[in-house]
Amino acid sequence: MGASKISFGRLSPAQVHAALAYYYTKTEIDADLEAEEREYNALAEQSRR
């Protein structure tokens, strides 16, 4: 059955794909966000000195 034949309620196949792609890479996204937060905190600490 093709994607155009599957019903996702009010979601389009593109929206379903976006959600699945997000959760598939969520660990990587979370790691990137944590690294950016650590870098921000380090730079903020340097600017306070």
PDB file of N, CA and C in Angstrom:
ATOM      1  N   MET A   1       0.847  -1.168   0.000  1.00  0.00           N
ATOM      2  CA  MET A   1       0.000   0.000   0.000  1.00  0.00           C
ATOM      3  C   MET A   1       0.894   1.232   0.000  1.00  0.00           C
ATOM      4  N   GLY A   2       0.711   2.148  -0.926  1.00  0.00           N
ATOM      5  CA  GLY A   2       1.502   3.364  -1.014  1.00  0.00           C
ATOM      6  C   GLY A   2       1.110   4.379   0.037  1.00  0.00           C
ATOM      7  N   ALA A   3       1.966   5.349   0.262  1.00  0.00           N
ATOM      8  CA  ALA A   3       1.705   6.380   1.270  1.00  0.00           C
ATOM      9  C   ALA A   3       0.443   7.160   0.954  1.00  0.00           C
ATOM     10  N   SER A   4       0.118   7.303  -0.324  1.00  0.00           N
ATOM     11  CA  SER A   4      -1.077   8.058  -0.682  1.00  0.00           C
ATOM     12  C   SER A   4      -2.355   7.307  -0.342  1.00  0.00           C
ATOM     13  N   LYS A   5      -2.269   6.012  -0.073  1.00  0.00           N
ATOM     14  CA  LYS A   5      -3.446   5.194   0.251  1.00  0.00           C
ATOM     15  C   LYS A   5      -3.653   5.051   1.759  1.00  0.00           C
ATOM     16  N   ILE A   6      -2.640   5.413   2.559  1.00  0.00           N
ATOM     17  CA  ILE A   6      -2.730   5.264   4.005  1.00  0.00           C
ATOM     18  C   ILE A   6      -3.360   6.525   4.589  1.00  0.00           C
ATOM     19  N   SER A   7      -4.284   6.351   5.524  1.00  0.00           N
ATOM     20  CA  SER A   7      -4.948   7.492   6.155  1.00  0.00           C
ATOM     21  C   SER A   7      -4.327   7.746   7.519  1.00  0.00           C
ATOM     22  N   PHE A   8      -3.947   8.983   7.781  1.00  0.00           N
ATOM     23  CA  PHE A   8      -3.377   9.392   9.061  1.00  0.00           C
ATOM     24  C   PHE A   8      -4.289  10.399   9.751  1.00  0.00           C
ATOM     25  N   GLY A   9      -5.560  10.318   9.500  1.00  0.00           N
ATOM     26  CA  GLY A   9      -6.481  11.293  10.077  1.00  0.00           C
ATOM     27  C   GLY A   9      -6.284  12.640   9.420  1.00  0.00           C
ATOM     28  N   ARG A  10      -6.050  13.655  10.232  1.00  0.00           N
ATOM     29  CA  ARG A  10      -5.887  15.010   9.698  1.00  0.00           C
ATOM     30  C   ARG A  10      -4.452  15.327   9.312  1.00  0.00           C
ATOM     31  N   LEU A  11      -3.531  14.407   9.532  1.00  0.00           N
ATOM     32  CA  LEU A  11      -2.130  14.637   9.185  1.00  0.00           C
ATOM     33  C   LEU A  11      -1.852  14.237   7.750  1.00  0.00           C
ATOM     34  N   SER A  12      -1.038  15.035   7.099  1.00  0.00           N
ATOM     35  CA  SER A  12      -0.615  14.685   5.743  1.00  0.00           C
ATOM     36  C   SER A  12       0.537  13.690   5.838  1.00  0.00           C
ATOM     37  N   PRO A  13       0.810  12.953   4.771  1.00  0.00           N
ATOM     38  CA  PRO A  13       1.979  12.063   4.793  1.00  0.00           C
ATOM     39  C   PRO A  13       3.275  12.819   5.098  1.00  0.00           C
ATOM     40  N   ALA A  14       3.381  14.069   4.644  1.00  0.00           N
ATOM     41  CA  ALA A  14       4.584  14.863   4.921  1.00  0.00           C
ATOM     42  C   ALA A  14       4.720  15.150   6.413  1.00  0.00           C
ATOM     43  N   GLN A  15       3.605  15.434   7.089  1.00  0.00           N
ATOM     44  CA  GLN A  15       3.642  15.689   8.521  1.00  0.00           C
ATOM     45  C   GLN A  15       4.023  14.428   9.294  1.00  0.00           C
ATOM     46  N   VAL A  16       3.510  13.303   8.880  1.00  0.00           N
ATOM     47  CA  VAL A  16       3.860  12.035   9.522  1.00  0.00           C
ATOM     48  C   VAL A  16       5.349  11.758   9.321  1.00  0.00           C
ATOM     49  N   HIS A  17       5.844  11.981   8.115  1.00  0.00           N
ATOM     50  CA  HIS A  17       7.268  11.773   7.829  1.00  0.00           C
ATOM     51  C   HIS A  17       8.125  12.681   8.702  1.00  0.00           C
ATOM     52  N   ALA A  18       7.739  13.939   8.838  1.00  0.00           N
ATOM     53  CA  ALA A  18       8.505  14.885   9.657  1.00  0.00           C
ATOM     54  C   ALA A  18       8.549  14.432  11.110  1.00  0.00           C
ATOM     55  N   ALA A  19       7.427  13.976  11.635  1.00  0.00           N
ATOM     56  CA  ALA A  19       7.385  13.510  13.021  1.00  0.00           C
ATOM     57  C   ALA A  19       8.262  12.273  13.216  1.00  0.00           C
ATOM     58  N   LEU A  20       8.178  11.329  12.296  1.00  0.00           N
ATOM     59  CA  LEU A  20       8.993  10.119  12.408  1.00  0.00           C
ATOM     60  C   LEU A  20      10.476  10.447  12.280  1.00  0.00           C
ATOM     61  N   ALA A  21      10.815  11.348  11.370  1.00  0.00           N
ATOM     62  CA  ALA A  21      12.215  11.738  11.194  1.00  0.00           C
ATOM     63  C   ALA A  21      12.747  12.413  12.450  1.00  0.00           C
ATOM     64  N   TYR A  22      11.917  13.245  13.083  1.00  0.00           N
ATOM     65  CA  TYR A  22      12.333  13.923  14.319  1.00  0.00           C
ATOM     66  C   TYR A  22      12.630  12.896  15.406  1.00  0.00           C
ATOM     67  N   TYR A  23      11.720  11.982  15.656  1.00  0.00           N
ATOM     68  CA  TYR A  23      11.925  11.010  16.723  1.00  0.00           C
ATOM     69  C   TYR A  23      13.023  10.021  16.394  1.00  0.00           C
ATOM     70  N   TYR A  24      13.249   9.761  15.110  1.00  0.00           N
ATOM     71  CA  TYR A  24      14.326   8.858  14.710  1.00  0.00           C
ATOM     72  C   TYR A  24      15.687   9.466  15.060  1.00  0.00           C
ATOM     73  N   THR A  25      15.794  10.796  14.928  1.00  0.00           N
ATOM     74  CA  THR A  25      17.067  11.474  15.183  1.00  0.00           C
ATOM     75  C   THR A  25      17.045  12.257  16.494  1.00  0.00           C
ATOM     76  N   LYS A  26      16.055  12.002  17.350  1.00  0.00           N
ATOM     77  CA  LYS A  26      15.903  12.767  18.592  1.00  0.00           C
ATOM     78  C   LYS A  26      17.143  12.703  19.476  1.00  0.00           C
ATOM     79  N   THR A  27      17.767  11.572  19.600  1.00  0.00           N
ATOM     80  CA  THR A  27      18.965  11.443  20.432  1.00  0.00           C
ATOM     81  C   THR A  27      20.066  12.367  19.914  1.00  0.00           C
ATOM     82  N   GLU A  28      20.238  12.390  18.603  1.00  0.00           N
ATOM     83  CA  GLU A  28      21.252  13.262  17.999  1.00  0.00           C
ATOM     84  C   GLU A  28      20.896  14.731  18.201  1.00  0.00           C
ATOM     85  N   ILE A  29      19.640  15.065  18.024  1.00  0.00           N
ATOM     86  CA  ILE A  29      19.189  16.444  18.217  1.00  0.00           C
ATOM     87  C   ILE A  29      19.405  16.866  19.669  1.00  0.00           C
ATOM     88  N   ASP A  30      19.034  16.009  20.607  1.00  0.00           N
ATOM     89  CA  ASP A  30      19.221  16.317  22.027  1.00  0.00           C
ATOM     90  C   ASP A  30      20.692  16.517  22.363  1.00  0.00           C
ATOM     91  N   ALA A  31      21.557  15.700  21.807  1.00  0.00           N
ATOM     92  CA  ALA A  31      22.995  15.831  22.054  1.00  0.00           C
ATOM     93  C   ALA A  31      23.514  17.161  21.503  1.00  0.00           C
ATOM     94  N   ASP A  32      23.053  17.551  20.323  1.00  0.00           N
ATOM     95  CA  ASP A  32      23.456  18.834  19.742  1.00  0.00           C
ATOM     96  C   ASP A  32      22.987  20.002  20.608  1.00  0.00           C
ATOM     97  N   LEU A  33      21.753  19.936  21.080  1.00  0.00           N
ATOM     98  CA  LEU A  33      21.222  21.002  21.924  1.00  0.00           C
ATOM     99  C   LEU A  33      21.990  21.100  23.237  1.00  0.00           C
ATOM    100  N   GLU A  34      22.324  19.968  23.819  1.00  0.00           N
ATOM    101  CA  GLU A  34      23.094  19.972  25.068  1.00  0.00           C
ATOM    102  C   GLU A  34      24.486  20.555  24.845  1.00  0.00           C
ATOM    103  N   ALA A  35      25.118  20.214  23.724  1.00  0.00           N
ATOM    104  CA  ALA A  35      26.443  20.755  23.416  1.00  0.00           C
ATOM    105  C   ALA A  35      26.369  22.267  23.219  1.00  0.00           C
ATOM    106  N   GLU A  36      25.341  22.732  22.549  1.00  0.00           N
ATOM    107  CA  GLU A  36      25.173  24.173  22.348  1.00  0.00           C
ATOM    108  C   GLU A  36      24.927  24.890  23.670  1.00  0.00           C
ATOM    109  N   GLU A  37      24.168  24.260  24.559  1.00  0.00           N
ATOM    110  CA  GLU A  37      23.914  24.865  25.864  1.00  0.00           C
ATOM    111  C   GLU A  37      25.197  24.948  26.682  1.00  0.00           C
ATOM    112  N   ARG A  38      26.025  23.895  26.633  1.00  0.00           N
ATOM    113  CA  ARG A  38      27.306  23.925  27.350  1.00  0.00           C
ATOM    114  C   ARG A  38      28.194  25.035  26.799  1.00  0.00           C
ATOM    115  N   GLU A  39      28.230  25.177  25.469  1.00  0.00           N
ATOM    116  CA  GLU A  39      29.051  26.224  24.857  1.00  0.00           C
ATOM    117  C   GLU A  39      28.540  27.610  25.249  1.00  0.00           C
ATOM    118  N   TYR A  40      27.226  27.787  25.218  1.00  0.00           N
ATOM    119  CA  TYR A  40      26.625  29.063  25.621  1.00  0.00           C
ATOM    120  C   TYR A  40      27.002  29.400  27.062  1.00  0.00           C
ATOM    121  N   ASN A  41      26.851  28.412  27.960  1.00  0.00           N
ATOM    122  CA  ASN A  41      27.164  28.643  29.367  1.00  0.00           C
ATOM    123  C   ASN A  41      28.630  28.990  29.570  1.00  0.00           C
ATOM    124  N   ALA A  42      29.515  28.333  28.831  1.00  0.00           N
ATOM    125  CA  ALA A  42      30.943  28.630  28.939  1.00  0.00           C
ATOM    126  C   ALA A  42      31.235  30.042  28.459  1.00  0.00           C
ATOM    127  N   LEU A  43      30.637  30.444  27.357  1.00  0.00           N
ATOM    128  CA  LEU A  43      30.855  31.800  26.841  1.00  0.00           C
ATOM    129  C   LEU A  43      30.238  32.841  27.756  1.00  0.00           C
ATOM    130  N   ALA A  44      29.089  32.550  28.327  1.00  0.00           N
ATOM    131  CA  ALA A  44      28.456  33.474  29.260  1.00  0.00           C
ATOM    132  C   ALA A  44      29.330  33.651  30.495  1.00  0.00           C
ATOM    133  N   GLU A  45      29.900  32.558  30.968  1.00  0.00           N
ATOM    134  CA  GLU A  45      30.785  32.631  32.143  1.00  0.00           C
ATOM    135  C   GLU A  45      32.029  33.462  31.824  1.00  0.00           C
ATOM    136  N   GLN A  46      32.593  33.283  30.631  1.00  0.00           N
ATOM    137  CA  GLN A  46      33.773  34.061  30.232  1.00  0.00           C
ATOM    138  C   GLN A  46      33.457  35.551  30.154  1.00  0.00           C
ATOM    139  N   SER A  47      32.271  35.880  29.669  1.00  0.00           N
ATOM    140  CA  SER A  47      31.926  37.295  29.507  1.00  0.00           C
ATOM    141  C   SER A  47      31.671  37.976  30.850  1.00  0.00           C
ATOM    142  N   ARG A  48      31.379  37.216  31.892  1.00  0.00           N
ATOM    143  CA  ARG A  48      31.157  37.780  33.231  1.00  0.00           C
ATOM    144  C   ARG A  48      32.454  38.118  33.944  1.00  0.00           C
ATOM    145  N   ARG A  49      33.545  37.575  33.465  1.00  0.00           N
ATOM    146  CA  ARG A  49      34.848  37.796  34.143  1.00  0.00           C
ATOM    147  C   ARG A  49      35.405  39.149  33.816  1.00  0.00           C
TER     148      ARG A  49
END
